[in-house]
Amino acid sequence: GMSPRGWLGWARVLRWLGVTGQPWPNPEACDGVAKLLARHGFDVFSSERRTFPFPMQTGDSAALLVDSLYLPGTSPDRITAAKHALGSWAHPGRRLPLPLRRVVARRQASVPDQVAAAYSTM
């Protein structure tokens, strides 16, 4: 999980972006991934949440972080301002915890190839 310091770092990022949370186009894919995959012919073998340190050492690394976020409706001016603010916050040795989820799934043997192929492109 993420430490309180990590949550504070992300609160700073989101505040500079002017958003109250990280929007996601398909919340079911995050929270109900096993059910979602099962409906499409897959068995989930593992689902792990891990946190990796993202180096926030330069303005370029801050800009890379902002560019990697899904930010629908956030104005280009706001994004540019957030990159500058985060760039001024960045310094050697600073890291921001990046929470990721790794899901390993395999197509069920009973699912015809054409059905699985149709869903794998969604």
PDB file of N, CA and C in Angstrom:
ATOM      1  N   GLY A   1       0.814  -1.192   0.000  1.00  0.00           N
ATOM      2  CA  GLY A   1       0.000   0.000   0.000  1.00  0.00           C
ATOM      3  C   GLY A   1       0.855   1.252   0.000  1.00  0.00           C
ATOM      4  N   MET A   2       0.184   2.350  -0.001  1.00  0.00           N
ATOM      5  CA  MET A   2       0.869   3.629  -0.040  1.00  0.00           C
ATOM      6  C   MET A   2       0.951   4.237   1.350  1.00  0.00           C
ATOM      7  N   SER A   3       2.066   4.866   1.629  1.00  0.00           N
ATOM      8  CA  SER A   3       2.276   5.521   2.918  1.00  0.00           C
ATOM      9  C   SER A   3       1.501   6.840   2.958  1.00  0.00           C
ATOM     10  N   PRO A   4       1.295   7.390   4.167  1.00  0.00           N
ATOM     11  CA  PRO A   4       0.653   8.713   4.260  1.00  0.00           C
ATOM     12  C   PRO A   4       1.409   9.783   3.463  1.00  0.00           C
ATOM     13  N   ARG A   5       2.719   9.691   3.466  1.00  0.00           N
ATOM     14  CA  ARG A   5       3.519  10.651   2.703  1.00  0.00           C
ATOM     15  C   ARG A   5       3.228  10.531   1.200  1.00  0.00           C
ATOM     16  N   GLY A   6       3.050   9.286   0.744  1.00  0.00           N
ATOM     17  CA  GLY A   6       2.708   9.062  -0.660  1.00  0.00           C
ATOM     18  C   GLY A   6       1.353   9.650  -1.020  1.00  0.00           C
ATOM     19  N   TRP A   7       0.365   9.458  -0.122  1.00  0.00           N
ATOM     20  CA  TRP A   7      -0.962  10.039  -0.356  1.00  0.00           C
ATOM     21  C   TRP A   7      -0.880  11.561  -0.410  1.00  0.00           C
ATOM     22  N   LEU A   8      -0.061  12.145   0.439  1.00  0.00           N
ATOM     23  CA  LEU A   8       0.101  13.604   0.420  1.00  0.00           C
ATOM     24  C   LEU A   8       0.731  14.074  -0.889  1.00  0.00           C
ATOM     25  N   GLY A   9       1.692  13.310  -1.386  1.00  0.00           N
ATOM     26  CA  GLY A   9       2.305  13.645  -2.674  1.00  0.00           C
ATOM     27  C   GLY A   9       1.279  13.641  -3.795  1.00  0.00           C
ATOM     28  N   TRP A  10       0.423  12.617  -3.807  1.00  0.00           N
ATOM     29  CA  TRP A  10      -0.617  12.546  -4.839  1.00  0.00           C
ATOM     30  C   TRP A  10      -1.666  13.632  -4.648  1.00  0.00           C
ATOM     31  N   ALA A  11      -1.969  13.989  -3.408  1.00  0.00           N
ATOM     32  CA  ALA A  11      -2.908  15.090  -3.161  1.00  0.00           C
ATOM     33  C   ALA A  11      -2.351  16.380  -3.759  1.00  0.00           C
ATOM     34  N   ARG A  12      -1.061  16.574  -3.638  1.00  0.00           N
ATOM     35  CA  ARG A  12      -0.402  17.754  -4.215  1.00  0.00           C
ATOM     36  C   ARG A  12      -0.534  17.738  -5.745  1.00  0.00           C
ATOM     37  N   VAL A  13      -0.268  16.602  -6.359  1.00  0.00           N
ATOM     38  CA  VAL A  13      -0.371  16.486  -7.819  1.00  0.00           C
ATOM     39  C   VAL A  13      -1.792  16.817  -8.275  1.00  0.00           C
ATOM     40  N   LEU A  14      -2.776  16.199  -7.634  1.00  0.00           N
ATOM     41  CA  LEU A  14      -4.173  16.409  -8.033  1.00  0.00           C
ATOM     42  C   LEU A  14      -4.623  17.849  -7.792  1.00  0.00           C
ATOM     43  N   ARG A  15      -4.155  18.447  -6.698  1.00  0.00           N
ATOM     44  CA  ARG A  15      -4.501  19.845  -6.417  1.00  0.00           C
ATOM     45  C   ARG A  15      -3.961  20.757  -7.519  1.00  0.00           C
ATOM     46  N   TRP A  16      -2.708  20.557  -7.916  1.00  0.00           N
ATOM     47  CA  TRP A  16      -2.129  21.387  -8.972  1.00  0.00           C
ATOM     48  C   TRP A  16      -2.846  21.185 -10.306  1.00  0.00           C
ATOM     49  N   LEU A  17      -3.389  19.993 -10.502  1.00  0.00           N
ATOM     50  CA  LEU A  17      -4.148  19.736 -11.726  1.00  0.00           C
ATOM     51  C   LEU A  17      -5.583  20.248 -11.636  1.00  0.00           C
ATOM     52  N   GLY A  18      -6.024  20.550 -10.419  1.00  0.00           N
ATOM     53  CA  GLY A  18      -7.385  21.036 -10.232  1.00  0.00           C
ATOM     54  C   GLY A  18      -8.434  19.947 -10.342  1.00  0.00           C
ATOM     55  N   VAL A  19      -8.049  18.706 -10.041  1.00  0.00           N
ATOM     56  CA  VAL A  19      -9.008  17.594 -10.071  1.00  0.00           C
ATOM     57  C   VAL A  19      -9.134  17.016  -8.665  1.00  0.00           C
ATOM     58  N   THR A  20     -10.289  16.434  -8.377  1.00  0.00           N
ATOM     59  CA  THR A  20     -10.517  15.897  -7.032  1.00  0.00           C
ATOM     60  C   THR A  20     -10.211  14.414  -6.936  1.00  0.00           C
ATOM     61  N   GLY A  21      -9.992  13.763  -8.044  1.00  0.00           N
ATOM     62  CA  GLY A  21      -9.658  12.344  -8.044  1.00  0.00           C
ATOM     63  C   GLY A  21      -9.187  11.949  -9.425  1.00  0.00           C
ATOM     64  N   GLN A  22      -8.631  10.779  -9.523  1.00  0.00           N
ATOM     65  CA  GLN A  22      -8.164  10.296 -10.818  1.00  0.00           C
ATOM     66  C   GLN A  22      -9.327   9.599 -11.515  1.00  0.00           C
ATOM     67  N   PRO A  23      -9.926  10.232 -12.528  1.00  0.00           N
ATOM     68  CA  PRO A  23     -11.057   9.613 -13.206  1.00  0.00           C
ATOM     69  C   PRO A  23     -10.617   8.372 -13.979  1.00  0.00           C
ATOM     70  N   TRP A  24     -11.536   7.477 -14.184  1.00  0.00           N
ATOM     71  CA  TRP A  24     -11.231   6.260 -14.921  1.00  0.00           C
ATOM     72  C   TRP A  24     -12.415   5.963 -15.820  1.00  0.00           C
ATOM     73  N   PRO A  25     -12.172   5.685 -17.098  1.00  0.00           N
ATOM     74  CA  PRO A  25     -13.288   5.499 -18.022  1.00  0.00           C
ATOM     75  C   PRO A  25     -14.111   4.234 -17.773  1.00  0.00           C
ATOM     76  N   ASN A  26     -13.551   3.260 -17.064  1.00  0.00           N
ATOM     77  CA  ASN A  26     -14.260   2.005 -16.823  1.00  0.00           C
ATOM     78  C   ASN A  26     -13.961   1.516 -15.412  1.00  0.00           C
ATOM     79  N   PRO A  27     -14.655   2.061 -14.384  1.00  0.00           N
ATOM     80  CA  PRO A  27     -14.378   1.659 -13.001  1.00  0.00           C
ATOM     81  C   PRO A  27     -14.533   0.159 -12.775  1.00  0.00           C
ATOM     82  N   GLU A  28     -15.442  -0.486 -13.515  1.00  0.00           N
ATOM     83  CA  GLU A  28     -15.633  -1.925 -13.356  1.00  0.00           C
ATOM     84  C   GLU A  28     -14.352  -2.692 -13.692  1.00  0.00           C
ATOM     85  N   ALA A  29     -13.574  -2.184 -14.629  1.00  0.00           N
ATOM     86  CA  ALA A  29     -12.330  -2.851 -14.999  1.00  0.00           C
ATOM     87  C   ALA A  29     -11.329  -2.821 -13.853  1.00  0.00           C
ATOM     88  N   CYS A  30     -11.425  -1.821 -12.985  1.00  0.00           N
ATOM     89  CA  CYS A  30     -10.530  -1.754 -11.825  1.00  0.00           C
ATOM     90  C   CYS A  30     -11.035  -2.612 -10.680  1.00  0.00           C
ATOM     91  N   ASP A  31     -12.298  -2.429 -10.337  1.00  0.00           N
ATOM     92  CA  ASP A  31     -12.836  -3.045  -9.128  1.00  0.00           C
ATOM     93  C   ASP A  31     -13.384  -4.448  -9.339  1.00  0.00           C
ATOM     94  N   GLY A  32     -13.876  -4.742 -10.532  1.00  0.00           N
ATOM     95  CA  GLY A  32     -14.471  -6.050 -10.784  1.00  0.00           C
ATOM     96  C   GLY A  32     -13.795  -6.777 -11.921  1.00  0.00           C
ATOM     97  N   VAL A  33     -12.465  -6.706 -11.945  1.00  0.00           N
ATOM     98  CA  VAL A  33     -11.728  -7.257 -13.081  1.00  0.00           C
ATOM     99  C   VAL A  33     -11.957  -8.759 -13.252  1.00  0.00           C
ATOM    100  N   ALA A  34     -12.046  -9.524 -12.173  1.00  0.00           N
ATOM    101  CA  ALA A  34     -12.243 -10.972 -12.296  1.00  0.00           C
ATOM    102  C   ALA A  34     -13.585 -11.280 -12.958  1.00  0.00           C
ATOM    103  N   LYS A  35     -14.648 -10.608 -12.529  1.00  0.00           N
ATOM    104  CA  LYS A  35     -15.976 -10.829 -13.127  1.00  0.00           C
ATOM    105  C   LYS A  35     -16.006 -10.375 -14.583  1.00  0.00           C
ATOM    106  N   LEU A  36     -15.396  -9.235 -14.845  1.00  0.00           N
ATOM    107  CA  LEU A  36     -15.368  -8.705 -16.200  1.00  0.00           C
ATOM    108  C   LEU A  36     -14.650  -9.666 -17.146  1.00  0.00           C
ATOM    109  N   LEU A  37     -13.498 -10.150 -16.727  1.00  0.00           N
ATOM    110  CA  LEU A  37     -12.747 -11.080 -17.566  1.00  0.00           C
ATOM    111  C   LEU A  37     -13.476 -12.413 -17.718  1.00  0.00           C
ATOM    112  N   ALA A  38     -14.103 -12.899 -16.656  1.00  0.00           N
ATOM    113  CA  ALA A  38     -14.844 -14.165 -16.727  1.00  0.00           C
ATOM    114  C   ALA A  38     -15.983 -14.059 -17.741  1.00  0.00           C
ATOM    115  N   ARG A  39     -16.663 -12.921 -17.764  1.00  0.00           N
ATOM    116  CA  ARG A  39     -17.746 -12.727 -18.742  1.00  0.00           C
ATOM    117  C   ARG A  39     -17.237 -12.786 -20.172  1.00  0.00           C
ATOM    118  N   HIS A  40     -15.968 -12.512 -20.357  1.00  0.00           N
ATOM    119  CA  HIS A  40     -15.379 -12.507 -21.694  1.00  0.00           C
ATOM    120  C   HIS A  40     -14.501 -13.728 -21.948  1.00  0.00           C
ATOM    121  N   GLY A  41     -14.667 -14.762 -21.112  1.00  0.00           N
ATOM    122  CA  GLY A  41     -14.002 -16.030 -21.374  1.00  0.00           C
ATOM    123  C   GLY A  41     -12.600 -16.190 -20.822  1.00  0.00           C
ATOM    124  N   PHE A  42     -12.279 -15.501 -19.738  1.00  0.00           N
ATOM    125  CA  PHE A  42     -10.944 -15.605 -19.151  1.00  0.00           C
ATOM    126  C   PHE A  42     -11.027 -16.017 -17.688  1.00  0.00           C
ATOM    127  N   ASP A  43     -10.013 -16.727 -17.234  1.00  0.00           N
ATOM    128  CA  ASP A  43      -9.835 -17.046 -15.819  1.00  0.00           C
ATOM    129  C   ASP A  43      -8.703 -16.180 -15.285  1.00  0.00           C
ATOM    130  N   VAL A  44      -8.908 -15.565 -14.132  1.00  0.00           N
ATOM    131  CA  VAL A  44      -7.870 -14.744 -13.503  1.00  0.00           C
ATOM    132  C   VAL A  44      -7.027 -15.636 -12.601  1.00  0.00           C
ATOM    133  N   PHE A  45      -5.719 -15.624 -12.818  1.00  0.00           N
ATOM    134  CA  PHE A  45      -4.805 -16.415 -12.006  1.00  0.00           C
ATOM    135  C   PHE A  45      -4.196 -15.600 -10.879  1.00  0.00           C
ATOM    136  N   SER A  46      -3.991 -14.327 -11.123  1.00  0.00           N
ATOM    137  CA  SER A  46      -3.472 -13.482 -10.051  1.00  0.00           C
ATOM    138  C   SER A  46      -3.864 -12.033 -10.303  1.00  0.00           C
ATOM    139  N   SER A  47      -3.989 -11.318  -9.224  1.00  0.00           N
ATOM    140  CA  SER A  47      -4.293  -9.892  -9.273  1.00  0.00           C
ATOM    141  C   SER A  47      -3.531  -9.259  -8.118  1.00  0.00           C
ATOM    142  N   GLU A  48      -2.512  -8.503  -8.463  1.00  0.00           N
ATOM    143  CA  GLU A  48      -1.649  -7.909  -7.440  1.00  0.00           C
ATOM    144  C   GLU A  48      -1.652  -6.391  -7.555  1.00  0.00           C
ATOM    145  N   ARG A  49      -1.701  -5.745  -6.430  1.00  0.00           N
ATOM    146  CA  ARG A  49      -1.524  -4.294  -6.378  1.00  0.00           C
ATOM    147  C   ARG A  49      -0.144  -4.043  -5.773  1.00  0.00           C
ATOM    148  N   ARG A  50       0.652  -3.278  -6.500  1.00  0.00           N
ATOM    149  CA  ARG A  50       1.991  -2.948  -6.020  1.00  0.00           C
ATOM    150  C   ARG A  50       2.231  -1.463  -6.231  1.00  0.00           C
ATOM    151  N   THR A  51       3.136  -0.957  -5.458  1.00  0.00           N
ATOM    152  CA  THR A  51       3.495   0.450  -5.560  1.00  0.00           C
ATOM    153  C   THR A  51       4.963   0.533  -5.950  1.00  0.00           C
ATOM    154  N   PHE A  52       5.232   1.329  -6.968  1.00  0.00           N
ATOM    155  CA  PHE A  52       6.592   1.518  -7.453  1.00  0.00           C
ATOM    156  C   PHE A  52       6.984   2.979  -7.277  1.00  0.00           C
ATOM    157  N   PRO A  53       8.235   3.238  -6.933  1.00  0.00           N
ATOM    158  CA  PRO A  53       8.668   4.634  -6.781  1.00  0.00           C
ATOM    159  C   PRO A  53       8.906   5.279  -8.148  1.00  0.00           C
ATOM    160  N   PHE A  54       8.231   6.379  -8.407  1.00  0.00           N
ATOM    161  CA  PHE A  54       8.452   7.135  -9.637  1.00  0.00           C
ATOM    162  C   PHE A  54       9.396   8.282  -9.304  1.00  0.00           C
ATOM    163  N   PRO A  55      10.553   8.365  -9.956  1.00  0.00           N
ATOM    164  CA  PRO A  55      11.512   9.428  -9.632  1.00  0.00           C
ATOM    165  C   PRO A  55      11.015  10.797 -10.091  1.00  0.00           C
ATOM    166  N   MET A  56      10.852  11.695  -9.125  1.00  0.00           N
ATOM    167  CA  MET A  56      10.427  13.077  -9.406  1.00  0.00           C
ATOM    168  C   MET A  56      11.634  13.984  -9.208  1.00  0.00           C
ATOM    169  N   GLN A  57      12.653  13.781 -10.036  1.00  0.00           N
ATOM    170  CA  GLN A  57      13.921  14.450  -9.815  1.00  0.00           C
ATOM    171  C   GLN A  57      14.125  15.688 -10.673  1.00  0.00           C
ATOM    172  N   THR A  58      13.366  15.795 -11.769  1.00  0.00           N
ATOM    173  CA  THR A  58      13.546  16.923 -12.687  1.00  0.00           C
ATOM    174  C   THR A  58      12.190  17.405 -13.198  1.00  0.00           C
ATOM    175  N   GLY A  59      12.211  18.547 -13.847  1.00  0.00           N
ATOM    176  CA  GLY A  59      11.003  19.042 -14.486  1.00  0.00           C
ATOM    177  C   GLY A  59      10.515  18.099 -15.575  1.00  0.00           C
ATOM    178  N   ASP A  60      11.460  17.454 -16.270  1.00  0.00           N
ATOM    179  CA  ASP A  60      11.072  16.496 -17.312  1.00  0.00           C
ATOM    180  C   ASP A  60      10.336  15.298 -16.728  1.00  0.00           C
ATOM    181  N   SER A  61      10.785  14.815 -15.570  1.00  0.00           N
ATOM    182  CA  SER A  61      10.094  13.672 -14.960  1.00  0.00           C
ATOM    183  C   SER A  61       8.706  14.088 -14.475  1.00  0.00           C
ATOM    184  N   ALA A  62       8.571  15.319 -13.994  1.00  0.00           N
ATOM    185  CA  ALA A  62       7.256  15.815 -13.573  1.00  0.00           C
ATOM    186  C   ALA A  62       6.318  15.920 -14.777  1.00  0.00           C
ATOM    187  N   ALA A  63       6.831  16.417 -15.894  1.00  0.00           N
ATOM    188  CA  ALA A  63       6.018  16.527 -17.111  1.00  0.00           C
ATOM    189  C   ALA A  63       5.610  15.148 -17.620  1.00  0.00           C
ATOM    190  N   LEU A  64       6.518  14.182 -17.545  1.00  0.00           N
ATOM    191  CA  LEU A  64       6.210  12.816 -17.966  1.00  0.00           C
ATOM    192  C   LEU A  64       5.081  12.234 -17.123  1.00  0.00           C
ATOM    193  N   LEU A  65       5.126  12.474 -15.826  1.00  0.00           N
ATOM    194  CA  LEU A  65       4.067  11.985 -14.944  1.00  0.00           C
ATOM    195  C   LEU A  65       2.719  12.586 -15.340  1.00  0.00           C
ATOM    196  N   VAL A  66       2.672  13.894 -15.512  1.00  0.00           N
ATOM    197  CA  VAL A  66       1.411  14.552 -15.868  1.00  0.00           C
ATOM    198  C   VAL A  66       0.908  14.043 -17.219  1.00  0.00           C
ATOM    199  N   ASP A  67       1.801  13.889 -18.179  1.00  0.00           N
ATOM    200  CA  ASP A  67       1.405  13.404 -19.502  1.00  0.00           C
ATOM    201  C   ASP A  67       0.858  11.980 -19.460  1.00  0.00           C
ATOM    202  N   SER A  68       1.240  11.207 -18.451  1.00  0.00           N
ATOM    203  CA  SER A  68       0.802   9.810 -18.374  1.00  0.00           C
ATOM    204  C   SER A  68      -0.573   9.653 -17.727  1.00  0.00           C
ATOM    205  N   LEU A  69      -1.121  10.716 -17.159  1.00  0.00           N
ATOM    206  CA  LEU A  69      -2.404  10.633 -16.461  1.00  0.00           C
ATOM    207  C   LEU A  69      -3.575  10.818 -17.416  1.00  0.00           C
ATOM    208  N   TYR A  70      -4.670  10.149 -17.112  1.00  0.00           N
ATOM    209  CA  TYR A  70      -5.920  10.302 -17.865  1.00  0.00           C
ATOM    210  C   TYR A  70      -6.652  11.499 -17.273  1.00  0.00           C
ATOM    211  N   LEU A  71      -6.730  12.589 -18.029  1.00  0.00           N
ATOM    212  CA  LEU A  71      -7.259  13.850 -17.500  1.00  0.00           C
ATOM    213  C   LEU A  71      -8.321  14.460 -18.416  1.00  0.00           C
ATOM    214  N   PRO A  72      -9.428  13.765 -18.645  1.00  0.00           N
ATOM    215  CA  PRO A  72     -10.457  14.340 -19.515  1.00  0.00           C
ATOM    216  C   PRO A  72     -11.045  15.607 -18.893  1.00  0.00           C
ATOM    217  N   GLY A  73     -11.230  16.614 -19.710  1.00  0.00           N
ATOM    218  CA  GLY A  73     -11.838  17.846 -19.220  1.00  0.00           C
ATOM    219  C   GLY A  73     -10.879  18.806 -18.544  1.00  0.00           C
ATOM    220  N   THR A  74      -9.624  18.426 -18.391  1.00  0.00           N
ATOM    221  CA  THR A  74      -8.638  19.329 -17.787  1.00  0.00           C
ATOM    222  C   THR A  74      -8.049  20.190 -18.902  1.00  0.00           C
ATOM    223  N   SER A  75      -8.077  21.488 -18.720  1.00  0.00           N
ATOM    224  CA  SER A  75      -7.635  22.400 -19.781  1.00  0.00           C
ATOM    225  C   SER A  75      -6.128  22.287 -20.012  1.00  0.00           C
ATOM    226  N   PRO A  76      -5.693  22.540 -21.241  1.00  0.00           N
ATOM    227  CA  PRO A  76      -4.255  22.533 -21.531  1.00  0.00           C
ATOM    228  C   PRO A  76      -3.481  23.529 -20.667  1.00  0.00           C
ATOM    229  N   ASP A  77      -4.080  24.689 -20.378  1.00  0.00           N
ATOM    230  CA  ASP A  77      -3.407  25.676 -19.522  1.00  0.00           C
ATOM    231  C   ASP A  77      -3.189  25.124 -18.118  1.00  0.00           C
ATOM    232  N   ARG A  78      -4.195  24.425 -17.594  1.00  0.00           N
ATOM    233  CA  ARG A  78      -4.102  23.833 -16.254  1.00  0.00           C
ATOM    234  C   ARG A  78      -3.021  22.753 -16.235  1.00  0.00           C
ATOM    235  N   ILE A  79      -2.959  21.954 -17.280  1.00  0.00           N
ATOM    236  CA  ILE A  79      -1.944  20.899 -17.369  1.00  0.00           C
ATOM    237  C   ILE A  79      -0.549  21.513 -17.430  1.00  0.00           C
ATOM    238  N   THR A  80      -0.389  22.559 -18.226  1.00  0.00           N
ATOM    239  CA  THR A  80       0.911  23.238 -18.311  1.00  0.00           C
ATOM    240  C   THR A  80       1.308  23.826 -16.964  1.00  0.00           C
ATOM    241  N   ALA A  81       0.359  24.461 -16.280  1.00  0.00           N
ATOM    242  CA  ALA A  81       0.642  25.036 -14.959  1.00  0.00           C
ATOM    243  C   ALA A  81       1.029  23.947 -13.964  1.00  0.00           C
ATOM    244  N   ALA A  82       0.352  22.803 -14.020  1.00  0.00           N
ATOM    245  CA  ALA A  82       0.680  21.698 -13.113  1.00  0.00           C
ATOM    246  C   ALA A  82       2.078  21.162 -13.397  1.00  0.00           C
ATOM    247  N   LYS A  83       2.451  21.077 -14.661  1.00  0.00           N
ATOM    248  CA  LYS A  83       3.806  20.617 -15.010  1.00  0.00           C
ATOM    249  C   LYS A  83       4.856  21.555 -14.423  1.00  0.00           C
ATOM    250  N   HIS A  84       4.606  22.856 -14.519  1.00  0.00           N
ATOM    251  CA  HIS A  84       5.563  23.827 -13.960  1.00  0.00           C
ATOM    252  C   HIS A  84       5.622  23.729 -12.437  1.00  0.00           C
ATOM    253  N   ALA A  85       4.461  23.620 -11.791  1.00  0.00           N
ATOM    254  CA  ALA A  85       4.431  23.520 -10.326  1.00  0.00           C
ATOM    255  C   ALA A  85       5.125  22.247  -9.862  1.00  0.00           C
ATOM    256  N   LEU A  86       4.815  21.131 -10.510  1.00  0.00           N
ATOM    257  CA  LEU A  86       5.477  19.874 -10.133  1.00  0.00           C
ATOM    258  C   LEU A  86       6.964  19.921 -10.442  1.00  0.00           C
ATOM    259  N   GLY A  87       7.321  20.581 -11.531  1.00  0.00           N
ATOM    260  CA  GLY A  87       8.736  20.724 -11.870  1.00  0.00           C
ATOM    261  C   GLY A  87       9.504  21.483 -10.807  1.00  0.00           C
ATOM    262  N   SER A  88       8.869  22.490 -10.205  1.00  0.00           N
ATOM    263  CA  SER A  88       9.543  23.239  -9.136  1.00  0.00           C
ATOM    264  C   SER A  88       9.597  22.434  -7.840  1.00  0.00           C
ATOM    265  N   TRP A  89       8.684  21.482  -7.672  1.00  0.00           N
ATOM    266  CA  TRP A  89       8.662  20.607  -6.490  1.00  0.00           C
ATOM    267  C   TRP A  89       9.682  19.476  -6.624  1.00  0.00           C
ATOM    268  N   ALA A  90       9.982  19.102  -7.859  1.00  0.00           N
ATOM    269  CA  ALA A  90      10.912  17.990  -8.109  1.00  0.00           C
ATOM    270  C   ALA A  90      12.324  18.351  -7.651  1.00  0.00           C
ATOM    271  N   HIS A  91      13.029  17.352  -7.140  1.00  0.00           N
ATOM    272  CA  HIS A  91      14.447  17.526  -6.816  1.00  0.00           C
ATOM    273  C   HIS A  91      15.095  16.149  -6.724  1.00  0.00           C
ATOM    274  N   PRO A  92      16.430  16.086  -6.826  1.00  0.00           N
ATOM    275  CA  PRO A  92      17.111  14.794  -6.766  1.00  0.00           C
ATOM    276  C   PRO A  92      16.738  14.021  -5.503  1.00  0.00           C
ATOM    277  N   GLY A  93      16.397  12.773  -5.685  1.00  0.00           N
ATOM    278  CA  GLY A  93      16.041  11.911  -4.565  1.00  0.00           C
ATOM    279  C   GLY A  93      14.547  11.860  -4.268  1.00  0.00           C
ATOM    280  N   ARG A  94      13.771  12.794  -4.800  1.00  0.00           N
ATOM    281  CA  ARG A  94      12.319  12.786  -4.550  1.00  0.00           C
ATOM    282  C   ARG A  94      11.670  11.686  -5.387  1.00  0.00           C
ATOM    283  N   ARG A  95      10.766  10.966  -4.740  1.00  0.00           N
ATOM    284  CA  ARG A  95      10.031   9.896  -5.420  1.00  0.00           C
ATOM    285  C   ARG A  95       8.555  10.020  -5.078  1.00  0.00           C
ATOM    286  N   LEU A  96       7.730   9.663  -6.032  1.00  0.00           N
ATOM    287  CA  LEU A  96       6.287   9.641  -5.826  1.00  0.00           C
ATOM    288  C   LEU A  96       5.835   8.195  -6.012  1.00  0.00           C
ATOM    289  N   PRO A  97       5.131   7.626  -5.037  1.00  0.00           N
ATOM    290  CA  PRO A  97       4.695   6.240  -5.183  1.00  0.00           C
ATOM    291  C   PRO A  97       3.650   6.117  -6.294  1.00  0.00           C
ATOM    292  N   LEU A  98       3.863   5.172  -7.181  1.00  0.00           N
ATOM    293  CA  LEU A  98       2.974   4.959  -8.319  1.00  0.00           C
ATOM    294  C   LEU A  98       2.268   3.621  -8.135  1.00  0.00           C
ATOM    295  N   PRO A  99       0.984   3.645  -7.760  1.00  0.00           N
ATOM    296  CA  PRO A  99       0.261   2.386  -7.543  1.00  0.00           C
ATOM    297  C   PRO A  99      -0.155   1.770  -8.878  1.00  0.00           C
ATOM    298  N   LEU A 100       0.154   0.505  -9.043  1.00  0.00           N
ATOM    299  CA  LEU A 100      -0.199  -0.222 -10.261  1.00  0.00           C
ATOM    300  C   LEU A 100      -0.855  -1.542  -9.894  1.00  0.00           C
ATOM    301  N   ARG A 101      -1.580  -2.081 -10.836  1.00  0.00           N
ATOM    302  CA  ARG A 101      -2.205  -3.385 -10.639  1.00  0.00           C
ATOM    303  C   ARG A 101      -1.784  -4.288 -11.783  1.00  0.00           C
ATOM    304  N   ARG A 102      -1.358  -5.489 -11.435  1.00  0.00           N
ATOM    305  CA  ARG A 102      -0.961  -6.484 -12.434  1.00  0.00           C
ATOM    306  C   ARG A 102      -1.956  -7.631 -12.360  1.00  0.00           C
ATOM    307  N   VAL A 103      -2.601  -7.906 -13.477  1.00  0.00           N
ATOM    308  CA  VAL A 103      -3.582  -8.986 -13.553  1.00  0.00           C
ATOM    309  C   VAL A 103      -3.093  -9.993 -14.583  1.00  0.00           C
ATOM    310  N   VAL A 104      -3.046 -11.264 -14.178  1.00  0.00           N
ATOM    311  CA  VAL A 104      -2.677 -12.339 -15.096  1.00  0.00           C
ATOM    312  C   VAL A 104      -3.916 -13.194 -15.314  1.00  0.00           C
ATOM    313  N   ALA A 105      -4.323 -13.307 -16.577  1.00  0.00           N
ATOM    314  CA  ALA A 105      -5.515 -14.082 -16.920  1.00  0.00           C
ATOM    315  C   ALA A 105      -5.219 -14.928 -18.153  1.00  0.00           C
ATOM    316  N   ARG A 106      -5.944 -16.018 -18.256  1.00  0.00           N
ATOM    317  CA  ARG A 106      -5.792 -16.914 -19.404  1.00  0.00           C
ATOM    318  C   ARG A 106      -7.176 -17.231 -19.956  1.00  0.00           C
ATOM    319  N   ARG A 107      -7.245 -17.318 -21.270  1.00  0.00           N
ATOM    320  CA  ARG A 107      -8.508 -17.661 -21.914  1.00  0.00           C
ATOM    321  C   ARG A 107      -8.944 -19.053 -21.474  1.00  0.00           C
ATOM    322  N   GLN A 108     -10.221 -19.188 -21.133  1.00  0.00           N
ATOM    323  CA  GLN A 108     -10.760 -20.485 -20.727  1.00  0.00           C
ATOM    324  C   GLN A 108     -10.714 -21.432 -21.920  1.00  0.00           C
ATOM    325  N   ALA A 109     -10.387 -22.691 -21.664  1.00  0.00           N
ATOM    326  CA  ALA A 109     -10.257 -23.679 -22.736  1.00  0.00           C
ATOM    327  C   ALA A 109     -11.570 -23.890 -23.480  1.00  0.00           C
ATOM    328  N   SER A 110     -12.695 -23.687 -22.824  1.00  0.00           N
ATOM    329  CA  SER A 110     -13.993 -23.948 -23.445  1.00  0.00           C
ATOM    330  C   SER A 110     -14.490 -22.807 -24.332  1.00  0.00           C
ATOM    331  N   VAL A 111     -13.742 -21.704 -24.408  1.00  0.00           N
ATOM    332  CA  VAL A 111     -14.175 -20.553 -25.199  1.00  0.00           C
ATOM    333  C   VAL A 111     -13.629 -20.680 -26.615  1.00  0.00           C
ATOM    334  N   PRO A 112     -14.500 -20.649 -27.634  1.00  0.00           N
ATOM    335  CA  PRO A 112     -14.015 -20.725 -29.018  1.00  0.00           C
ATOM    336  C   PRO A 112     -13.072 -19.569 -29.327  1.00  0.00           C
ATOM    337  N   ASP A 113     -12.068 -19.832 -30.161  1.00  0.00           N
ATOM    338  CA  ASP A 113     -11.062 -18.821 -30.492  1.00  0.00           C
ATOM    339  C   ASP A 113     -11.669 -17.533 -31.033  1.00  0.00           C
ATOM    340  N   GLN A 114     -12.688 -17.631 -31.893  1.00  0.00           N
ATOM    341  CA  GLN A 114     -13.247 -16.414 -32.475  1.00  0.00           C
ATOM    342  C   GLN A 114     -13.927 -15.541 -31.423  1.00  0.00           C
ATOM    343  N   VAL A 115     -14.513 -16.133 -30.388  1.00  0.00           N
ATOM    344  CA  VAL A 115     -15.145 -15.352 -29.321  1.00  0.00           C
ATOM    345  C   VAL A 115     -14.082 -14.628 -28.505  1.00  0.00           C
ATOM    346  N   ALA A 116     -13.042 -15.341 -28.107  1.00  0.00           N
ATOM    347  CA  ALA A 116     -11.972 -14.727 -27.314  1.00  0.00           C
ATOM    348  C   ALA A 116     -11.272 -13.634 -28.110  1.00  0.00           C
ATOM    349  N   ALA A 117     -11.056 -13.858 -29.404  1.00  0.00           N
ATOM    350  CA  ALA A 117     -10.383 -12.856 -30.227  1.00  0.00           C
ATOM    351  C   ALA A 117     -11.227 -11.589 -30.335  1.00  0.00           C
ATOM    352  N   ALA A 118     -12.528 -11.735 -30.433  1.00  0.00           N
ATOM    353  CA  ALA A 118     -13.405 -10.564 -30.533  1.00  0.00           C
ATOM    354  C   ALA A 118     -13.320  -9.712 -29.279  1.00  0.00           C
ATOM    355  N   TYR A 119     -13.231 -10.340 -28.125  1.00  0.00           N
ATOM    356  CA  TYR A 119     -13.183  -9.581 -26.876  1.00  0.00           C
ATOM    357  C   TYR A 119     -11.798  -9.055 -26.563  1.00  0.00           C
ATOM    358  N   SER A 120     -10.759  -9.674 -27.094  1.00  0.00           N
ATOM    359  CA  SER A 120      -9.408  -9.227 -26.752  1.00  0.00           C
ATOM    360  C   SER A 120      -9.069  -7.895 -27.406  1.00  0.00           C
ATOM    361  N   THR A 121      -9.838  -7.483 -28.399  1.00  0.00           N
ATOM    362  CA  THR A 121      -9.555  -6.206 -29.054  1.00  0.00           C
ATOM    363  C   THR A 121     -10.319  -5.053 -28.441  1.00  0.00           C
ATOM    364  N   MET A 122     -11.127  -5.303 -27.417  1.00  0.00           N
ATOM    365  CA  MET A 122     -11.914  -4.227 -26.794  1.00  0.00           C
ATOM    366  C   MET A 122     -11.087  -3.437 -25.829  1.00  0.00           C
TER     367      MET A 122
END
